[in-house]
Amino acid sequence: MTIAMTDVAPQDAGLASGLVNTTAQVGGALGLALLATFATTRTGDLSARGDSLAAALTGGYHLAFAIAALLMVVAILVALFVLQSDRAGAGEASLEQRATAEPACSEAT
């Protein structure tokens, strides 16, 4: 949330916050629906294969948790690379500003 709101102009803060919250809610709902679908499909396949209900449910949940863990790893990697490139760009801009800025005070002799 903080990262998404970092470069937003004050007059657009409400709109940006609403968009970020809406995106998070919709993304969470869609993600949960997809994971539940994968788990249910896997459970049905294992049950049809002859596994017990407990084993089939466990297999379905294992698949859903594995997919969720993989998605979290991908999200962390994306965040690291995006934040790293943003910090590098900000650092370069800061160095340019310091190099071109006039001295704040000059010594009188």
PDB file of N, CA and C in Angstrom:
ATOM      1  N   MET A   1       0.831  -1.181   0.000  1.00  0.00           N
ATOM      2  CA  MET A   1       0.000   0.000   0.000  1.00  0.00           C
ATOM      3  C   MET A   1       0.879   1.249   0.000  1.00  0.00           C
ATOM      4  N   THR A   2       1.887   1.248   0.840  1.00  0.00           N
ATOM      5  CA  THR A   2       2.776   2.405   0.936  1.00  0.00           C
ATOM      6  C   THR A   2       3.517   2.633  -0.367  1.00  0.00           C
ATOM      7  N   ILE A   3       3.998   1.571  -0.967  1.00  0.00           N
ATOM      8  CA  ILE A   3       4.735   1.695  -2.220  1.00  0.00           C
ATOM      9  C   ILE A   3       3.827   2.216  -3.322  1.00  0.00           C
ATOM     10  N   ALA A   4       2.595   1.740  -3.366  1.00  0.00           N
ATOM     11  CA  ALA A   4       1.666   2.180  -4.404  1.00  0.00           C
ATOM     12  C   ALA A   4       1.301   3.647  -4.256  1.00  0.00           C
ATOM     13  N   MET A   5       1.331   4.156  -3.044  1.00  0.00           N
ATOM     14  CA  MET A   5       0.916   5.541  -2.797  1.00  0.00           C
ATOM     15  C   MET A   5       2.089   6.521  -2.763  1.00  0.00           C
ATOM     16  N   THR A   6       3.299   6.044  -2.968  1.00  0.00           N
ATOM     17  CA  THR A   6       4.485   6.869  -2.791  1.00  0.00           C
ATOM     18  C   THR A   6       4.516   8.097  -3.686  1.00  0.00           C
ATOM     19  N   ASP A   7       4.318   7.937  -4.982  1.00  0.00           N
ATOM     20  CA  ASP A   7       4.471   9.039  -5.929  1.00  0.00           C
ATOM     21  C   ASP A   7       3.149   9.658  -6.354  1.00  0.00           C
ATOM     22  N   VAL A   8       2.098   9.468  -5.578  1.00  0.00           N
ATOM     23  CA  VAL A   8       0.787  10.001  -5.928  1.00  0.00           C
ATOM     24  C   VAL A   8       0.676  11.441  -5.437  1.00  0.00           C
ATOM     25  N   ALA A   9       0.157  12.291  -6.311  1.00  0.00           N
ATOM     26  CA  ALA A   9      -0.061  13.690  -5.929  1.00  0.00           C
ATOM     27  C   ALA A   9      -1.133  13.753  -4.842  1.00  0.00           C
ATOM     28  N   PRO A  10      -1.033  14.703  -3.926  1.00  0.00           N
ATOM     29  CA  PRO A  10      -2.006  14.785  -2.825  1.00  0.00           C
ATOM     30  C   PRO A  10      -3.469  14.868  -3.291  1.00  0.00           C
ATOM     31  N   GLN A  11      -3.721  15.552  -4.391  1.00  0.00           N
ATOM     32  CA  GLN A  11      -5.105  15.682  -4.860  1.00  0.00           C
ATOM     33  C   GLN A  11      -5.635  14.358  -5.442  1.00  0.00           C
ATOM     34  N   ASP A  12      -4.760  13.421  -5.772  1.00  0.00           N
ATOM     35  CA  ASP A  12      -5.173  12.128  -6.320  1.00  0.00           C
ATOM     36  C   ASP A  12      -5.058  10.994  -5.302  1.00  0.00           C
ATOM     37  N   ALA A  13      -4.752  11.294  -4.060  1.00  0.00           N
ATOM     38  CA  ALA A  13      -4.506  10.260  -3.053  1.00  0.00           C
ATOM     39  C   ALA A  13      -5.752   9.413  -2.793  1.00  0.00           C
ATOM     40  N   GLY A  14      -6.919  10.013  -2.743  1.00  0.00           N
ATOM     41  CA  GLY A  14      -8.149   9.255  -2.495  1.00  0.00           C
ATOM     42  C   GLY A  14      -8.447   8.282  -3.614  1.00  0.00           C
ATOM     43  N   LEU A  15      -8.322   8.749  -4.845  1.00  0.00           N
ATOM     44  CA  LEU A  15      -8.563   7.890  -6.001  1.00  0.00           C
ATOM     45  C   LEU A  15      -7.555   6.740  -6.036  1.00  0.00           C
ATOM     46  N   ALA A  16      -6.285   7.038  -5.834  1.00  0.00           N
ATOM     47  CA  ALA A  16      -5.251   6.002  -5.868  1.00  0.00           C
ATOM     48  C   ALA A  16      -5.465   4.982  -4.756  1.00  0.00           C
ATOM     49  N   SER A  17      -5.805   5.443  -3.571  1.00  0.00           N
ATOM     50  CA  SER A  17      -6.054   4.539  -2.457  1.00  0.00           C
ATOM     51  C   SER A  17      -7.243   3.624  -2.753  1.00  0.00           C
ATOM     52  N   GLY A  18      -8.287   4.191  -3.314  1.00  0.00           N
ATOM     53  CA  GLY A  18      -9.455   3.387  -3.680  1.00  0.00           C
ATOM     54  C   GLY A  18      -9.123   2.339  -4.727  1.00  0.00           C
ATOM     55  N   LEU A  19      -8.323   2.716  -5.716  1.00  0.00           N
ATOM     56  CA  LEU A  19      -7.926   1.760  -6.753  1.00  0.00           C
ATOM     57  C   LEU A  19      -7.060   0.641  -6.183  1.00  0.00           C
ATOM     58  N   VAL A  20      -6.147   0.985  -5.294  1.00  0.00           N
ATOM     59  CA  VAL A  20      -5.283  -0.034  -4.688  1.00  0.00           C
ATOM     60  C   VAL A  20      -6.111  -0.989  -3.834  1.00  0.00           C
ATOM     61  N   ASN A  21      -7.024  -0.454  -3.042  1.00  0.00           N
ATOM     62  CA  ASN A  21      -7.860  -1.313  -2.200  1.00  0.00           C
ATOM     63  C   ASN A  21      -8.774  -2.204  -3.033  1.00  0.00           C
ATOM     64  N   THR A  22      -9.366  -1.642  -4.087  1.00  0.00           N
ATOM     65  CA  THR A  22     -10.243  -2.427  -4.953  1.00  0.00           C
ATOM     66  C   THR A  22      -9.460  -3.541  -5.646  1.00  0.00           C
ATOM     67  N   THR A  23      -8.276  -3.203  -6.131  1.00  0.00           N
ATOM     68  CA  THR A  23      -7.440  -4.203  -6.790  1.00  0.00           C
ATOM     69  C   THR A  23      -7.072  -5.321  -5.829  1.00  0.00           C
ATOM     70  N   ALA A  24      -6.742  -4.980  -4.598  1.00  0.00           N
ATOM     71  CA  ALA A  24      -6.395  -5.996  -3.604  1.00  0.00           C
ATOM     72  C   ALA A  24      -7.585  -6.907  -3.307  1.00  0.00           C
ATOM     73  N   GLN A  25      -8.771  -6.328  -3.173  1.00  0.00           N
ATOM     74  CA  GLN A  25      -9.965  -7.125  -2.885  1.00  0.00           C
ATOM     75  C   GLN A  25     -10.317  -8.052  -4.051  1.00  0.00           C
ATOM     76  N   VAL A  26     -10.306  -7.514  -5.263  1.00  0.00           N
ATOM     77  CA  VAL A  26     -10.643  -8.325  -6.438  1.00  0.00           C
ATOM     78  C   VAL A  26      -9.574  -9.394  -6.662  1.00  0.00           C
ATOM     79  N   GLY A  27      -8.308  -9.020  -6.518  1.00  0.00           N
ATOM     80  CA  GLY A  27      -7.237  -9.994  -6.682  1.00  0.00           C
ATOM     81  C   GLY A  27      -7.320 -11.116  -5.665  1.00  0.00           C
ATOM     82  N   GLY A  28      -7.627 -10.770  -4.430  1.00  0.00           N
ATOM     83  CA  GLY A  28      -7.781 -11.798  -3.400  1.00  0.00           C
ATOM     84  C   GLY A  28      -8.940 -12.733  -3.685  1.00  0.00           C
ATOM     85  N   ALA A  29     -10.063 -12.167  -4.135  1.00  0.00           N
ATOM     86  CA  ALA A  29     -11.235 -12.991  -4.441  1.00  0.00           C
ATOM     87  C   ALA A  29     -10.964 -13.912  -5.623  1.00  0.00           C
ATOM     88  N   LEU A  30     -10.353 -13.368  -6.671  1.00  0.00           N
ATOM     89  CA  LEU A  30     -10.034 -14.208  -7.834  1.00  0.00           C
ATOM     90  C   LEU A  30      -9.000 -15.277  -7.494  1.00  0.00           C
ATOM     91  N   GLY A  31      -7.985 -14.896  -6.722  1.00  0.00           N
ATOM     92  CA  GLY A  31      -6.971 -15.859  -6.323  1.00  0.00           C
ATOM     93  C   GLY A  31      -7.547 -16.995  -5.510  1.00  0.00           C
ATOM     94  N   LEU A  32      -8.401 -16.651  -4.560  1.00  0.00           N
ATOM     95  CA  LEU A  32      -9.033 -17.684  -3.739  1.00  0.00           C
ATOM     96  C   LEU A  32      -9.917 -18.584  -4.589  1.00  0.00           C
ATOM     97  N   ALA A  33     -10.664 -17.998  -5.525  1.00  0.00           N
ATOM     98  CA  ALA A  33     -11.529 -18.800  -6.391  1.00  0.00           C
ATOM     99  C   ALA A  33     -10.707 -19.769  -7.244  1.00  0.00           C
ATOM    100  N   LEU A  34      -9.591 -19.299  -7.783  1.00  0.00           N
ATOM    101  CA  LEU A  34      -8.743 -20.170  -8.601  1.00  0.00           C
ATOM    102  C   LEU A  34      -8.116 -21.289  -7.768  1.00  0.00           C
ATOM    103  N   LEU A  35      -7.615 -20.940  -6.592  1.00  0.00           N
ATOM    104  CA  LEU A  35      -7.006 -21.966  -5.735  1.00  0.00           C
ATOM    105  C   LEU A  35      -8.038 -22.999  -5.288  1.00  0.00           C
ATOM    106  N   ALA A  36      -9.240 -22.556  -4.974  1.00  0.00           N
ATOM    107  CA  ALA A  36     -10.300 -23.488  -4.581  1.00  0.00           C
ATOM    108  C   ALA A  36     -10.680 -24.395  -5.752  1.00  0.00           C
ATOM    109  N   THR A  37     -10.681 -23.830  -6.973  1.00  0.00           N
ATOM    110  CA  THR A  37     -10.990 -24.634  -8.156  1.00  0.00           C
ATOM    111  C   THR A  37      -9.926 -25.692  -8.380  1.00  0.00           C
ATOM    112  N   PHE A  38      -8.657 -25.313  -8.272  1.00  0.00           N
ATOM    113  CA  PHE A  38      -7.580 -26.287  -8.430  1.00  0.00           C
ATOM    114  C   PHE A  38      -7.664 -27.376  -7.372  1.00  0.00           C
ATOM    115  N   ALA A  39      -7.921 -26.988  -6.129  1.00  0.00           N
ATOM    116  CA  ALA A  39      -8.013 -27.962  -5.042  1.00  0.00           C
ATOM    117  C   ALA A  39      -9.184 -28.924  -5.263  1.00  0.00           C
ATOM    118  N   THR A  40     -10.314 -28.389  -5.682  1.00  0.00           N
ATOM    119  CA  THR A  40     -11.494 -29.228  -5.906  1.00  0.00           C
ATOM    120  C   THR A  40     -11.279 -30.194  -7.063  1.00  0.00           C
ATOM    121  N   THR A  41     -10.684 -29.688  -8.131  1.00  0.00           N
ATOM    122  CA  THR A  41     -10.416 -30.548  -9.289  1.00  0.00           C
ATOM    123  C   THR A  41      -9.453 -31.669  -8.929  1.00  0.00           C
ATOM    124  N   ARG A  42      -8.398 -31.333  -8.213  1.00  0.00           N
ATOM    125  CA  ARG A  42      -7.409 -32.338  -7.804  1.00  0.00           C
ATOM    126  C   ARG A  42      -8.044 -33.350  -6.851  1.00  0.00           C
ATOM    127  N   THR A  43      -8.867 -32.872  -5.928  1.00  0.00           N
ATOM    128  CA  THR A  43      -9.546 -33.772  -4.995  1.00  0.00           C
ATOM    129  C   THR A  43     -10.449 -34.737  -5.752  1.00  0.00           C
ATOM    130  N   GLY A  44     -11.192 -34.226  -6.732  1.00  0.00           N
ATOM    131  CA  GLY A  44     -12.071 -35.076  -7.537  1.00  0.00           C
ATOM    132  C   GLY A  44     -11.298 -36.110  -8.329  1.00  0.00           C
ATOM    133  N   ASP A  45     -10.170 -35.687  -8.912  1.00  0.00           N
ATOM    134  CA  ASP A  45      -9.342 -36.624  -9.677  1.00  0.00           C
ATOM    135  C   ASP A  45      -8.787 -37.734  -8.787  1.00  0.00           C
ATOM    136  N   LEU A  46      -8.292 -37.354  -7.617  1.00  0.00           N
ATOM    137  CA  LEU A  46      -7.735 -38.361  -6.706  1.00  0.00           C
ATOM    138  C   LEU A  46      -8.814 -39.289  -6.164  1.00  0.00           C
ATOM    139  N   SER A  47      -9.980 -38.741  -5.898  1.00  0.00           N
ATOM    140  CA  SER A  47     -11.091 -39.551  -5.403  1.00  0.00           C
ATOM    141  C   SER A  47     -11.556 -40.528  -6.483  1.00  0.00           C
ATOM    142  N   ALA A  48     -11.614 -40.069  -7.732  1.00  0.00           N
ATOM    143  CA  ALA A  48     -12.019 -40.944  -8.839  1.00  0.00           C
ATOM    144  C   ALA A  48     -10.981 -42.040  -9.078  1.00  0.00           C
ATOM    145  N   ARG A  49      -9.739 -41.760  -8.756  1.00  0.00           N
ATOM    146  CA  ARG A  49      -8.666 -42.740  -8.922  1.00  0.00           C
ATOM    147  C   ARG A  49      -8.735 -43.831  -7.853  1.00  0.00           C
ATOM    148  N   GLY A  50      -9.510 -43.591  -6.808  1.00  0.00           N
ATOM    149  CA  GLY A  50      -9.680 -44.610  -5.781  1.00  0.00           C
ATOM    150  C   GLY A  50      -9.061 -44.256  -4.444  1.00  0.00           C
ATOM    151  N   ASP A  51      -8.496 -43.058  -4.320  1.00  0.00           N
ATOM    152  CA  ASP A  51      -7.935 -42.649  -3.030  1.00  0.00           C
ATOM    153  C   ASP A  51      -9.063 -42.404  -2.031  1.00  0.00           C
ATOM    154  N   SER A  52      -8.760 -42.539  -0.755  1.00  0.00           N
ATOM    155  CA  SER A  52      -9.763 -42.254   0.273  1.00  0.00           C
ATOM    156  C   SER A  52     -10.088 -40.759   0.251  1.00  0.00           C
ATOM    157  N   LEU A  53     -11.197 -40.389   0.843  1.00  0.00           N
ATOM    158  CA  LEU A  53     -11.608 -38.985   0.844  1.00  0.00           C
ATOM    159  C   LEU A  53     -10.580 -38.112   1.552  1.00  0.00           C
ATOM    160  N   ALA A  54     -10.044 -38.591   2.669  1.00  0.00           N
ATOM    161  CA  ALA A  54      -9.040 -37.826   3.411  1.00  0.00           C
ATOM    162  C   ALA A  54      -7.781 -37.624   2.569  1.00  0.00           C
ATOM    163  N   ALA A  55      -7.325 -38.663   1.899  1.00  0.00           N
ATOM    164  CA  ALA A  55      -6.129 -38.558   1.065  1.00  0.00           C
ATOM    165  C   ALA A  55      -6.387 -37.649  -0.136  1.00  0.00           C
ATOM    166  N   ALA A  56      -7.572 -37.749  -0.721  1.00  0.00           N
ATOM    167  CA  ALA A  56      -7.916 -36.909  -1.865  1.00  0.00           C
ATOM    168  C   ALA A  56      -7.981 -35.439  -1.461  1.00  0.00           C
ATOM    169  N   LEU A  57      -8.606 -35.149  -0.326  1.00  0.00           N
ATOM    170  CA  LEU A  57      -8.666 -33.767   0.154  1.00  0.00           C
ATOM    171  C   LEU A  57      -7.272 -33.231   0.463  1.00  0.00           C
ATOM    172  N   THR A  58      -6.450 -34.053   1.080  1.00  0.00           N
ATOM    173  CA  THR A  58      -5.079 -33.641   1.386  1.00  0.00           C
ATOM    174  C   THR A  58      -4.307 -33.340   0.105  1.00  0.00           C
ATOM    175  N   GLY A  59      -4.472 -34.180  -0.895  1.00  0.00           N
ATOM    176  CA  GLY A  59      -3.816 -33.950  -2.179  1.00  0.00           C
ATOM    177  C   GLY A  59      -4.288 -32.665  -2.839  1.00  0.00           C
ATOM    178  N   GLY A  60      -5.585 -32.399  -2.758  1.00  0.00           N
ATOM    179  CA  GLY A  60      -6.124 -31.161  -3.325  1.00  0.00           C
ATOM    180  C   GLY A  60      -5.579 -29.928  -2.619  1.00  0.00           C
ATOM    181  N   TYR A  61      -5.540 -29.979  -1.298  1.00  0.00           N
ATOM    182  CA  TYR A  61      -5.004 -28.844  -0.539  1.00  0.00           C
ATOM    183  C   TYR A  61      -3.502 -28.677  -0.766  1.00  0.00           C
ATOM    184  N   HIS A  62      -2.793 -29.777  -0.898  1.00  0.00           N
ATOM    185  CA  HIS A  62      -1.354 -29.684  -1.173  1.00  0.00           C
ATOM    186  C   HIS A  62      -1.108 -28.948  -2.488  1.00  0.00           C
ATOM    187  N   LEU A  63      -1.901 -29.275  -3.513  1.00  0.00           N
ATOM    188  CA  LEU A  63      -1.749 -28.594  -4.796  1.00  0.00           C
ATOM    189  C   LEU A  63      -2.043 -27.104  -4.648  1.00  0.00           C
ATOM    190  N   ALA A  64      -3.127 -26.758  -3.974  1.00  0.00           N
ATOM    191  CA  ALA A  64      -3.487 -25.341  -3.806  1.00  0.00           C
ATOM    192  C   ALA A  64      -2.408 -24.595  -3.021  1.00  0.00           C
ATOM    193  N   PHE A  65      -1.904 -25.192  -1.955  1.00  0.00           N
ATOM    194  CA  PHE A  65      -0.853 -24.532  -1.170  1.00  0.00           C
ATOM    195  C   PHE A  65       0.449 -24.404  -1.958  1.00  0.00           C
ATOM    196  N   ALA A  66       0.771 -25.409  -2.765  1.00  0.00           N
ATOM    197  CA  ALA A  66       1.981 -25.339  -3.589  1.00  0.00           C
ATOM    198  C   ALA A  66       1.866 -24.212  -4.620  1.00  0.00           C
ATOM    199  N   ILE A  67       0.718 -24.080  -5.242  1.00  0.00           N
ATOM    200  CA  ILE A  67       0.512 -22.998  -6.213  1.00  0.00           C
ATOM    201  C   ILE A  67       0.584 -21.648  -5.516  1.00  0.00           C
ATOM    202  N   ALA A  68      -0.044 -21.533  -4.350  1.00  0.00           N
ATOM    203  CA  ALA A  68      -0.007 -20.269  -3.601  1.00  0.00           C
ATOM    204  C   ALA A  68       1.420 -19.916  -3.200  1.00  0.00           C
ATOM    205  N   ALA A  69       2.198 -20.902  -2.771  1.00  0.00           N
ATOM    206  CA  ALA A  69       3.593 -20.644  -2.388  1.00  0.00           C
ATOM    207  C   ALA A  69       4.409 -20.207  -3.598  1.00  0.00           C
ATOM    208  N   LEU A  70       4.199 -20.839  -4.731  1.00  0.00           N
ATOM    209  CA  LEU A  70       4.902 -20.453  -5.952  1.00  0.00           C
ATOM    210  C   LEU A  70       4.551 -19.021  -6.355  1.00  0.00           C
ATOM    211  N   LEU A  71       3.288 -18.674  -6.258  1.00  0.00           N
ATOM    212  CA  LEU A  71       2.869 -17.306  -6.582  1.00  0.00           C
ATOM    213  C   LEU A  71       3.482 -16.288  -5.621  1.00  0.00           C
ATOM    214  N   MET A  72       3.618 -16.650  -4.362  1.00  0.00           N
ATOM    215  CA  MET A  72       4.248 -15.743  -3.397  1.00  0.00           C
ATOM    216  C   MET A  72       5.722 -15.531  -3.716  1.00  0.00           C
ATOM    217  N   VAL A  73       6.410 -16.597  -4.105  1.00  0.00           N
ATOM    218  CA  VAL A  73       7.819 -16.462  -4.479  1.00  0.00           C
ATOM    219  C   VAL A  73       7.956 -15.550  -5.694  1.00  0.00           C
ATOM    220  N   VAL A  74       7.090 -15.743  -6.684  1.00  0.00           N
ATOM    221  CA  VAL A  74       7.118 -14.882  -7.876  1.00  0.00           C
ATOM    222  C   VAL A  74       6.837 -13.434  -7.491  1.00  0.00           C
ATOM    223  N   ALA A  75       5.855 -13.210  -6.618  1.00  0.00           N
ATOM    224  CA  ALA A  75       5.524 -11.848  -6.187  1.00  0.00           C
ATOM    225  C   ALA A  75       6.690 -11.198  -5.447  1.00  0.00           C
ATOM    226  N   ILE A  76       7.367 -11.958  -4.611  1.00  0.00           N
ATOM    227  CA  ILE A  76       8.515 -11.414  -3.878  1.00  0.00           C
ATOM    228  C   ILE A  76       9.635 -11.057  -4.841  1.00  0.00           C
ATOM    229  N   LEU A  77       9.902 -11.917  -5.822  1.00  0.00           N
ATOM    230  CA  LEU A  77      10.946 -11.622  -6.799  1.00  0.00           C
ATOM    231  C   LEU A  77      10.610 -10.382  -7.626  1.00  0.00           C
ATOM    232  N   VAL A  78       9.362 -10.273  -8.047  1.00  0.00           N
ATOM    233  CA  VAL A  78       8.948  -9.087  -8.803  1.00  0.00           C
ATOM    234  C   VAL A  78       9.107  -7.839  -7.944  1.00  0.00           C
ATOM    235  N   ALA A  79       8.676  -7.911  -6.700  1.00  0.00           N
ATOM    236  CA  ALA A  79       8.791  -6.757  -5.807  1.00  0.00           C
ATOM    237  C   ALA A  79      10.257  -6.371  -5.583  1.00  0.00           C
ATOM    238  N   LEU A  80      11.112  -7.358  -5.406  1.00  0.00           N
ATOM    239  CA  LEU A  80      12.527  -7.055  -5.196  1.00  0.00           C
ATOM    240  C   LEU A  80      13.142  -6.367  -6.409  1.00  0.00           C
ATOM    241  N   PHE A  81      12.830  -6.857  -7.590  1.00  0.00           N
ATOM    242  CA  PHE A  81      13.409  -6.257  -8.784  1.00  0.00           C
ATOM    243  C   PHE A  81      12.818  -4.887  -9.067  1.00  0.00           C
ATOM    244  N   VAL A  82      11.531  -4.707  -8.844  1.00  0.00           N
ATOM    245  CA  VAL A  82      10.907  -3.405  -9.072  1.00  0.00           C
ATOM    246  C   VAL A  82      11.427  -2.392  -8.068  1.00  0.00           C
ATOM    247  N   LEU A  83      11.494  -2.774  -6.799  1.00  0.00           N
ATOM    248  CA  LEU A  83      11.994  -1.859  -5.780  1.00  0.00           C
ATOM    249  C   LEU A  83      13.460  -1.552  -5.983  1.00  0.00           C
ATOM    250  N   GLN A  84      14.233  -2.542  -6.404  1.00  0.00           N
ATOM    251  CA  GLN A  84      15.652  -2.324  -6.627  1.00  0.00           C
ATOM    252  C   GLN A  84      15.864  -1.350  -7.779  1.00  0.00           C
ATOM    253  N   SER A  85      15.112  -1.476  -8.856  1.00  0.00           N
ATOM    254  CA  SER A  85      15.279  -0.557  -9.981  1.00  0.00           C
ATOM    255  C   SER A  85      14.785   0.836  -9.610  1.00  0.00           C
ATOM    256  N   ASP A  86      13.744   0.934  -8.797  1.00  0.00           N
ATOM    257  CA  ASP A  86      13.271   2.242  -8.343  1.00  0.00           C
ATOM    258  C   ASP A  86      14.306   2.916  -7.454  1.00  0.00           C
ATOM    259  N   ARG A  87      14.925   2.150  -6.549  1.00  0.00           N
ATOM    260  CA  ARG A  87      15.946   2.726  -5.677  1.00  0.00           C
ATOM    261  C   ARG A  87      17.158   3.161  -6.471  1.00  0.00           C
ATOM    262  N   ALA A  88      17.533   2.379  -7.478  1.00  0.00           N
ATOM    263  CA  ALA A  88      18.683   2.748  -8.303  1.00  0.00           C
ATOM    264  C   ALA A  88      18.382   4.031  -9.064  1.00  0.00           C
ATOM    265  N   GLY A  89      17.180   4.154  -9.607  1.00  0.00           N
ATOM    266  CA  GLY A  89      16.793   5.365 -10.323  1.00  0.00           C
ATOM    267  C   GLY A  89      16.738   6.568  -9.402  1.00  0.00           C
ATOM    268  N   ALA A  90      16.244   6.377  -8.193  1.00  0.00           N
ATOM    269  CA  ALA A  90      16.178   7.477  -7.229  1.00  0.00           C
ATOM    270  C   ALA A  90      17.576   7.886  -6.796  1.00  0.00           C
ATOM    271  N   GLY A  91      18.466   6.909  -6.638  1.00  0.00           N
ATOM    272  CA  GLY A  91      19.837   7.212  -6.249  1.00  0.00           C
ATOM    273  C   GLY A  91      20.563   7.992  -7.335  1.00  0.00           C
ATOM    274  N   GLU A  92      20.355   7.623  -8.589  1.00  0.00           N
ATOM    275  CA  GLU A  92      20.981   8.338  -9.692  1.00  0.00           C
ATOM    276  C   GLU A  92      20.452   9.762  -9.780  1.00  0.00           C
ATOM    277  N   ALA A  93      19.135   9.921  -9.603  1.00  0.00           N
ATOM    278  CA  ALA A  93      18.546  11.256  -9.643  1.00  0.00           C
ATOM    279  C   ALA A  93      19.089  12.109  -8.507  1.00  0.00           C
ATOM    280  N   SER A  94      19.256  11.504  -7.325  1.00  0.00           N
ATOM    281  CA  SER A  94      19.776  12.237  -6.183  1.00  0.00           C
ATOM    282  C   SER A  94      21.205  12.697  -6.430  1.00  0.00           C
ATOM    283  N   LEU A  95      22.020  11.832  -7.034  1.00  0.00           N
ATOM    284  CA  LEU A  95      23.396  12.214  -7.344  1.00  0.00           C
ATOM    285  C   LEU A  95      23.444  13.339  -8.370  1.00  0.00           C
ATOM    286  N   GLU A  96      22.556  13.271  -9.364  1.00  0.00           N
ATOM    287  CA  GLU A  96      22.508  14.338 -10.372  1.00  0.00           C
ATOM    288  C   GLU A  96      22.094  15.656  -9.735  1.00  0.00           C
ATOM    289  N   GLN A  97      21.127  15.605  -8.824  1.00  0.00           N
ATOM    290  CA  GLN A  97      20.670  16.826  -8.168  1.00  0.00           C
ATOM    291  C   GLN A  97      21.784  17.426  -7.327  1.00  0.00           C
ATOM    292  N   ARG A  98      22.535  16.586  -6.639  1.00  0.00           N
ATOM    293  CA  ARG A  98      23.632  17.099  -5.822  1.00  0.00           C
ATOM    294  C   ARG A  98      24.742  17.682  -6.687  1.00  0.00           C
ATOM    295  N   ALA A  99      25.000  17.067  -7.820  1.00  0.00           N
ATOM    296  CA  ALA A  99      26.089  17.529  -8.684  1.00  0.00           C
ATOM    297  C   ALA A  99      25.748  18.861  -9.344  1.00  0.00           C
ATOM    298  N   THR A 100      24.473  19.070  -9.672  1.00  0.00           N
ATOM    299  CA  THR A 100      24.090  20.291 -10.368  1.00  0.00           C
ATOM    300  C   THR A 100      23.641  21.399  -9.434  1.00  0.00           C
ATOM    301  N   ALA A 101      23.421  21.064  -8.148  1.00  0.00           N
ATOM    302  CA  ALA A 101      22.948  22.086  -7.206  1.00  0.00           C
ATOM    303  C   ALA A 101      24.063  23.068  -6.877  1.00  0.00           C
ATOM    304  N   GLU A 102      23.655  24.300  -6.655  1.00  0.00           N
ATOM    305  CA  GLU A 102      24.632  25.325  -6.257  1.00  0.00           C
ATOM    306  C   GLU A 102      24.899  25.166  -4.772  1.00  0.00           C
ATOM    307  N   PRO A 103      26.089  25.523  -4.328  1.00  0.00           N
ATOM    308  CA  PRO A 103      26.375  25.423  -2.888  1.00  0.00           C
ATOM    309  C   PRO A 103      25.430  26.318  -2.090  1.00  0.00           C
ATOM    310  N   ALA A 104      25.019  25.824  -0.938  1.00  0.00           N
ATOM    311  CA  ALA A 104      24.082  26.556  -0.115  1.00  0.00           C
ATOM    312  C   ALA A 104      24.719  27.808   0.489  1.00  0.00           C
ATOM    313  N   CYS A 105      25.955  27.758   0.793  1.00  0.00           N
ATOM    314  CA  CYS A 105      26.638  28.922   1.326  1.00  0.00           C
ATOM    315  C   CYS A 105      28.026  29.019   0.714  1.00  0.00           C
ATOM    316  N   SER A 106      28.526  30.194   0.633  1.00  0.00           N
ATOM    317  CA  SER A 106      29.883  30.359   0.095  1.00  0.00           C
ATOM    318  C   SER A 106      30.724  31.032   1.148  1.00  0.00           C
ATOM    319  N   GLU A 107      31.975  30.693   1.134  1.00  0.00           N
ATOM    320  CA  GLU A 107      32.864  31.265   2.129  1.00  0.00           C
ATOM    321  C   GLU A 107      33.350  32.629   1.651  1.00  0.00           C
ATOM    322  N   ALA A 108      33.285  33.582   2.497  1.00  0.00           N
ATOM    323  CA  ALA A 108      33.765  34.921   2.176  1.00  0.00           C
ATOM    324  C   ALA A 108      35.171  35.052   2.768  1.00  0.00           C
ATOM    325  N   THR A 109      36.085  35.529   1.988  1.00  0.00           N
ATOM    326  CA  THR A 109      37.447  35.680   2.507  1.00  0.00           C
ATOM    327  C   THR A 109      37.875  37.118   2.499  1.00  0.00           C
TER     328      THR A 109
END
